[in-house]
Each structure stands twice: as structure tokens, then as C-alpha cells.
Amino acid sequence: MAQHTVAVYVENDTGEIISDLHYLHRYDSDIYEPGTLPILEAGKLNIIGKATYWTGFGRTGYDYWWVQFLRGGVRYACKANFYCYLTSEDADGRVVLKLLKDQMQVIPLKSSSCTVSLYPESALLSLIAEERSKSEPAITQPNCDCKKEN
């Protein structure tokens, strides 16, 4: 089992200035690494943090990625359970979080890149509620001829 670290950069390809940018890398459920940038101009690339992860026998967990930012007065985010693996080949390199109008691409140095949709937060909350309702059993009301007492 080997521990690795990569630098994490964010690239703004949305075509607009973004602000109040928050980033989180989570490895499995034991490493949480946040980062923030107050502003990122369109077309710019900037370091936002690091990502620590493990490879090898007994430790090949998920690398979860999350971003949230303000663009054009609207707060955007990706879903919280989005993951994209890092491998030992990525060690000591960098990962770029490329922000597009409606997507984020996680681009490691050597491993395959991954893409996730970005949503306005209000739409993301609706999407989460919709997914939750699909996975929960429907609650039905029992038949009742009850009369309301005064």
C-alpha cells in the first residue's frame, strides 16, 4: 500500500468570471481535503489544493470530487458522490478540474478523465429529491371511512 499526493488545479472554461469557488477531494471516508478561491477569471488556471490517495493491496478506494461556485449570480455545484480514480501513475503530478458551462472534467496526469454535470443548486436539490423518491418505497394511505369529529 502506497500513499500518493497530487496538486489540484482548477481551470475556468465557462466563458465567465467565477467566484466563491469551493473544492473538496475525499478519499474513501477518511481523507477530506478542501480548497477555496475567491475569484477565477475566464480562461485562467490556478492551484486550489491537493489530493492524497492510496494505491496497492487493501487500499484502492474511491476518489470523490466536488465543486461549488458562483457564476452570473447563480450558485452551481456537481453531485456529491461523483468519483474518478487516481492511480500510482498519477503520483506527484497534478489533476485539473476543468469547469465548463454545464460540466466539470477531472483530468489526471495519466489516468482516464471523468466528467460530471454541473447544476444550479436549486436544480441539484430537485434532482436529489427526485432520485431519493425513486429509491424509496411509496407510502400509501390506508382506506378509511373515518368521519372527522368536532
C-alpha atoms as a PDB file:
ATOM      1  CA  MET A   1       0.000   0.000   0.000  1.00  0.00           C
ATOM      2  CA  ALA A   2       1.438   3.373  -1.036  1.00  0.00           C
ATOM      3  CA  GLN A   3       0.320   6.903  -0.225  1.00  0.00           C
ATOM      4  CA  HIS A   4       0.448   9.496  -3.025  1.00  0.00           C
ATOM      5  CA  THR A   5      -0.267  13.193  -3.370  1.00  0.00           C
ATOM      6  CA  VAL A   6      -1.092  15.307  -6.412  1.00  0.00           C
ATOM      7  CA  ALA A   7      -1.571  19.053  -6.793  1.00  0.00           C
ATOM      8  CA  VAL A   8      -5.124  20.046  -7.760  1.00  0.00           C
ATOM      9  CA  TYR A   9      -5.697  22.877 -10.216  1.00  0.00           C
ATOM     10  CA  VAL A  10      -8.948  24.391 -11.400  1.00  0.00           C
ATOM     11  CA  GLU A  11      -9.398  25.762 -14.915  1.00  0.00           C
ATOM     12  CA  ASN A  12     -12.241  28.147 -15.748  1.00  0.00           C
ATOM     13  CA  ASP A  13     -13.531  27.408 -19.264  1.00  0.00           C
ATOM     14  CA  THR A  14     -17.072  28.671 -18.552  1.00  0.00           C
ATOM     15  CA  GLY A  15     -16.517  31.884 -20.515  1.00  0.00           C
ATOM     16  CA  GLU A  16     -17.372  33.955 -17.418  1.00  0.00           C
ATOM     17  CA  ILE A  17     -15.710  35.030 -14.186  1.00  0.00           C
ATOM     18  CA  ILE A  18     -16.487  32.656 -11.338  1.00  0.00           C
ATOM     19  CA  SER A  19     -16.246  33.496  -7.656  1.00  0.00           C
ATOM     20  CA  ASP A  20     -16.603  31.929  -4.209  1.00  0.00           C
ATOM     21  CA  LEU A  21     -15.154  28.666  -5.557  1.00  0.00           C
ATOM     22  CA  HIS A  22     -15.088  25.726  -3.134  1.00  0.00           C
ATOM     23  CA  TYR A  23     -13.465  22.369  -3.827  1.00  0.00           C
ATOM     24  CA  LEU A  24     -13.337  19.103  -1.893  1.00  0.00           C
ATOM     25  CA  HIS A  25     -11.389  15.923  -2.552  1.00  0.00           C
ATOM     26  CA  ARG A  26     -12.342  12.929  -0.443  1.00  0.00           C
ATOM     27  CA  TYR A  27     -10.557   9.598  -0.470  1.00  0.00           C
ATOM     28  CA  ASP A  28     -12.914   6.835   0.698  1.00  0.00           C
ATOM     29  CA  SER A  29     -14.218   8.139   4.009  1.00  0.00           C
ATOM     30  CA  ASP A  30     -11.019   9.076   5.793  1.00  0.00           C
ATOM     31  CA  ILE A  31      -9.270  11.939   3.967  1.00  0.00           C
ATOM     32  CA  TYR A  32     -11.061  15.240   3.341  1.00  0.00           C
ATOM     33  CA  GLU A  33      -9.102  17.999   1.584  1.00  0.00           C
ATOM     34  CA  PRO A  34     -10.896  21.292   0.892  1.00  0.00           C
ATOM     35  CA  GLY A  35      -9.737  24.325  -1.036  1.00  0.00           C
ATOM     36  CA  THR A  36     -11.157  27.729  -1.952  1.00  0.00           C
ATOM     37  CA  LEU A  37     -10.538  30.533  -4.417  1.00  0.00           C
ATOM     38  CA  PRO A  38     -12.241  33.921  -4.074  1.00  0.00           C
ATOM     39  CA  ILE A  39     -12.252  34.549  -7.851  1.00  0.00           C
ATOM     40  CA  LEU A  40     -11.096  32.881 -11.061  1.00  0.00           C
ATOM     41  CA  GLU A  41     -11.108  34.782 -14.335  1.00  0.00           C
ATOM     42  CA  ALA A  42     -12.411  33.136 -17.510  1.00  0.00           C
ATOM     43  CA  GLY A  43      -9.708  31.116 -19.269  1.00  0.00           C
ATOM     44  CA  LYS A  44      -7.428  31.009 -16.226  1.00  0.00           C
ATOM     45  CA  LEU A  45      -5.853  28.052 -14.397  1.00  0.00           C
ATOM     46  CA  ASN A  46      -4.959  28.213 -10.693  1.00  0.00           C
ATOM     47  CA  ILE A  47      -3.914  25.792  -7.954  1.00  0.00           C
ATOM     48  CA  ILE A  48      -6.676  25.162  -5.407  1.00  0.00           C
ATOM     49  CA  GLY A  49      -5.334  22.359  -3.201  1.00  0.00           C
ATOM     50  CA  LYS A  50      -4.033  18.831  -3.093  1.00  0.00           C
ATOM     51  CA  ALA A  51      -5.363  15.298  -3.195  1.00  0.00           C
ATOM     52  CA  THR A  52      -3.958  12.490  -1.058  1.00  0.00           C
ATOM     53  CA  TYR A  53      -4.787   8.897  -2.000  1.00  0.00           C
ATOM     54  CA  TRP A  54      -3.536   5.334  -1.651  1.00  0.00           C
ATOM     55  CA  THR A  55      -2.876   2.561  -4.140  1.00  0.00           C
ATOM     56  CA  GLY A  56      -1.933  -1.074  -3.734  1.00  0.00           C
ATOM     57  CA  PHE A  57      -3.223  -4.085  -1.879  1.00  0.00           C
ATOM     58  CA  GLY A  58      -6.040  -3.355   0.564  1.00  0.00           C
ATOM     59  CA  ARG A  59      -6.351   0.328  -0.263  1.00  0.00           C
ATOM     60  CA  THR A  60      -7.881   1.036  -3.656  1.00  0.00           C
ATOM     61  CA  GLY A  61     -10.740   3.277  -2.615  1.00  0.00           C
ATOM     62  CA  TYR A  62     -12.713   5.926  -4.417  1.00  0.00           C
ATOM     63  CA  ASP A  63     -11.525   9.476  -5.068  1.00  0.00           C
ATOM     64  CA  TYR A  64     -14.563  11.735  -4.722  1.00  0.00           C
ATOM     65  CA  TRP A  65     -14.538  15.224  -6.250  1.00  0.00           C
ATOM     66  CA  TRP A  66     -16.912  18.120  -5.570  1.00  0.00           C
ATOM     67  CA  VAL A  67     -17.017  21.788  -6.599  1.00  0.00           C
ATOM     68  CA  GLN A  68     -19.342  24.692  -5.923  1.00  0.00           C
ATOM     69  CA  PHE A  69     -19.050  28.235  -7.277  1.00  0.00           C
ATOM     70  CA  LEU A  70     -20.929  31.404  -8.182  1.00  0.00           C
ATOM     71  CA  ARG A  71     -21.300  32.358 -11.858  1.00  0.00           C
ATOM     72  CA  GLY A  72     -23.546  35.108 -13.164  1.00  0.00           C
ATOM     73  CA  GLY A  73     -25.284  35.412  -9.800  1.00  0.00           C
ATOM     74  CA  VAL A  74     -26.191  31.702  -9.727  1.00  0.00           C
ATOM     75  CA  ARG A  75     -24.526  29.113  -7.462  1.00  0.00           C
ATOM     76  CA  TYR A  76     -23.511  25.909  -9.293  1.00  0.00           C
ATOM     77  CA  ALA A  77     -22.369  22.534  -7.942  1.00  0.00           C
ATOM     78  CA  CYS A  78     -21.856  18.940  -9.008  1.00  0.00           C
ATOM     79  CA  LYS A  79     -23.401  15.970  -7.268  1.00  0.00           C
ATOM     80  CA  ALA A  80     -21.684  14.989  -4.019  1.00  0.00           C
ATOM     81  CA  ASN A  81     -20.997  11.317  -4.830  1.00  0.00           C
ATOM     82  CA  PHE A  82     -19.034  11.837  -8.066  1.00  0.00           C
ATOM     83  CA  TYR A  83     -15.805   9.839  -8.190  1.00  0.00           C
ATOM     84  CA  CYS A  84     -12.868   9.478 -10.551  1.00  0.00           C
ATOM     85  CA  TYR A  85      -9.958   7.158  -9.706  1.00  0.00           C
ATOM     86  CA  LEU A  86      -6.335   8.152  -9.382  1.00  0.00           C
ATOM     87  CA  THR A  87      -3.600   5.555  -9.923  1.00  0.00           C
ATOM     88  CA  SER A  88       0.043   5.254  -8.936  1.00  0.00           C
ATOM     89  CA  GLU A  89       0.947   6.638 -12.385  1.00  0.00           C
ATOM     90  CA  ASP A  90      -0.637   9.966 -11.377  1.00  0.00           C
ATOM     91  CA  ALA A  91       1.541  10.289  -8.245  1.00  0.00           C
ATOM     92  CA  ASP A  92       3.416  13.547  -7.712  1.00  0.00           C
ATOM     93  CA  GLY A  93       1.707  15.062 -10.740  1.00  0.00           C
ATOM     94  CA  ARG A  94      -1.376  17.193 -10.981  1.00  0.00           C
ATOM     95  CA  VAL A  95      -5.098  16.884 -11.529  1.00  0.00           C
ATOM     96  CA  VAL A  96      -7.009  19.596 -13.371  1.00  0.00           C
ATOM     97  CA  LEU A  97     -10.659  20.270 -12.561  1.00  0.00           C
ATOM     98  CA  LYS A  98     -11.819  21.829 -15.832  1.00  0.00           C
ATOM     99  CA  LEU A  99     -15.034  23.814 -15.362  1.00  0.00           C
ATOM    100  CA  LEU A 100     -17.206  24.177 -18.460  1.00  0.00           C
ATOM    101  CA  LYS A 101     -20.656  25.783 -18.786  1.00  0.00           C
ATOM    102  CA  ASP A 102     -22.525  22.694 -17.575  1.00  0.00           C
ATOM    103  CA  GLN A 103     -19.814  20.116 -16.798  1.00  0.00           C
ATOM    104  CA  MET A 104     -16.701  19.516 -14.761  1.00  0.00           C
ATOM    105  CA  GLN A 105     -13.942  17.310 -16.134  1.00  0.00           C
ATOM    106  CA  VAL A 106     -11.469  15.694 -13.739  1.00  0.00           C
ATOM    107  CA  ILE A 107      -8.263  15.307 -15.742  1.00  0.00           C
ATOM    108  CA  PRO A 108      -5.473  13.320 -14.026  1.00  0.00           C
ATOM    109  CA  LEU A 109      -1.940  13.294 -15.429  1.00  0.00           C
ATOM    110  CA  LYS A 110      -2.080   9.658 -16.664  1.00  0.00           C
ATOM    111  CA  SER A 111      -5.382   8.019 -15.632  1.00  0.00           C
ATOM    112  CA  SER A 112      -8.598   8.317 -17.579  1.00  0.00           C
ATOM    113  CA  SER A 113     -10.512  11.557 -17.165  1.00  0.00           C
ATOM    114  CA  CYS A 114     -14.093  11.674 -15.906  1.00  0.00           C
ATOM    115  CA  THR A 115     -16.949  14.114 -16.457  1.00  0.00           C
ATOM    116  CA  VAL A 116     -19.859  15.164 -14.255  1.00  0.00           C
ATOM    117  CA  SER A 117     -22.724  17.610 -14.841  1.00  0.00           C
ATOM    118  CA  LEU A 118     -22.863  20.960 -13.063  1.00  0.00           C
ATOM    119  CA  TYR A 119     -26.266  22.189 -11.931  1.00  0.00           C
ATOM    120  CA  PRO A 120     -27.644  25.371 -10.475  1.00  0.00           C
ATOM    121  CA  GLU A 121     -28.033  24.463  -6.793  1.00  0.00           C
ATOM    122  CA  SER A 122     -31.823  24.755  -6.917  1.00  0.00           C
ATOM    123  CA  ALA A 123     -31.942  22.192  -9.750  1.00  0.00           C
ATOM    124  CA  LEU A 124     -29.474  19.948  -7.922  1.00  0.00           C
ATOM    125  CA  LEU A 125     -31.692  19.865  -4.831  1.00  0.00           C
ATOM    126  CA  SER A 126     -34.675  18.897  -7.009  1.00  0.00           C
ATOM    127  CA  LEU A 127     -32.606  16.179  -8.696  1.00  0.00           C
ATOM    128  CA  ILE A 128     -31.559  14.741  -5.328  1.00  0.00           C
ATOM    129  CA  ALA A 129     -35.179  14.707  -4.112  1.00  0.00           C
ATOM    130  CA  GLU A 130     -36.301  13.011  -7.346  1.00  0.00           C
ATOM    131  CA  GLU A 131     -33.609  10.318  -7.098  1.00  0.00           C
ATOM    132  CA  ARG A 132     -34.448   9.708  -3.445  1.00  0.00           C
ATOM    133  CA  SER A 133     -38.162   9.304  -4.224  1.00  0.00           C
ATOM    134  CA  LYS A 134     -37.334   6.708  -6.896  1.00  0.00           C
ATOM    135  CA  SER A 135     -35.361   4.621  -4.420  1.00  0.00           C
ATOM    136  CA  GLU A 136     -37.833   4.806  -1.506  1.00  0.00           C
ATOM    137  CA  PRO A 137     -40.994   2.698  -1.428  1.00  0.00           C
ATOM    138  CA  ALA A 138     -44.192   4.609  -1.954  1.00  0.00           C
ATOM    139  CA  ILE A 139     -46.160   5.425   1.160  1.00  0.00           C
ATOM    140  CA  THR A 140     -49.855   4.794   0.767  1.00  0.00           C
ATOM    141  CA  GLN A 141     -52.672   5.951   2.952  1.00  0.00           C
ATOM    142  CA  PRO A 142     -54.909   3.215   4.395  1.00  0.00           C
ATOM    143  CA  ASN A 143     -58.506   3.189   3.224  1.00  0.00           C
ATOM    144  CA  CYS A 144     -60.619   4.863   5.823  1.00  0.00           C
ATOM    145  CA  ASP A 145     -64.229   5.914   6.045  1.00  0.00           C
ATOM    146  CA  CYS A 146     -63.488   7.874   9.167  1.00  0.00           C
ATOM    147  CA  LYS A 147     -65.541  10.947   9.962  1.00  0.00           C
ATOM    148  CA  LYS A 148     -63.839  13.912  11.453  1.00  0.00           C
ATOM    149  CA  GLU A 149     -65.049  14.581  14.982  1.00  0.00           C
ATOM    150  CA  ASN A 150     -65.708  18.144  16.101  1.00  0.00           C
END
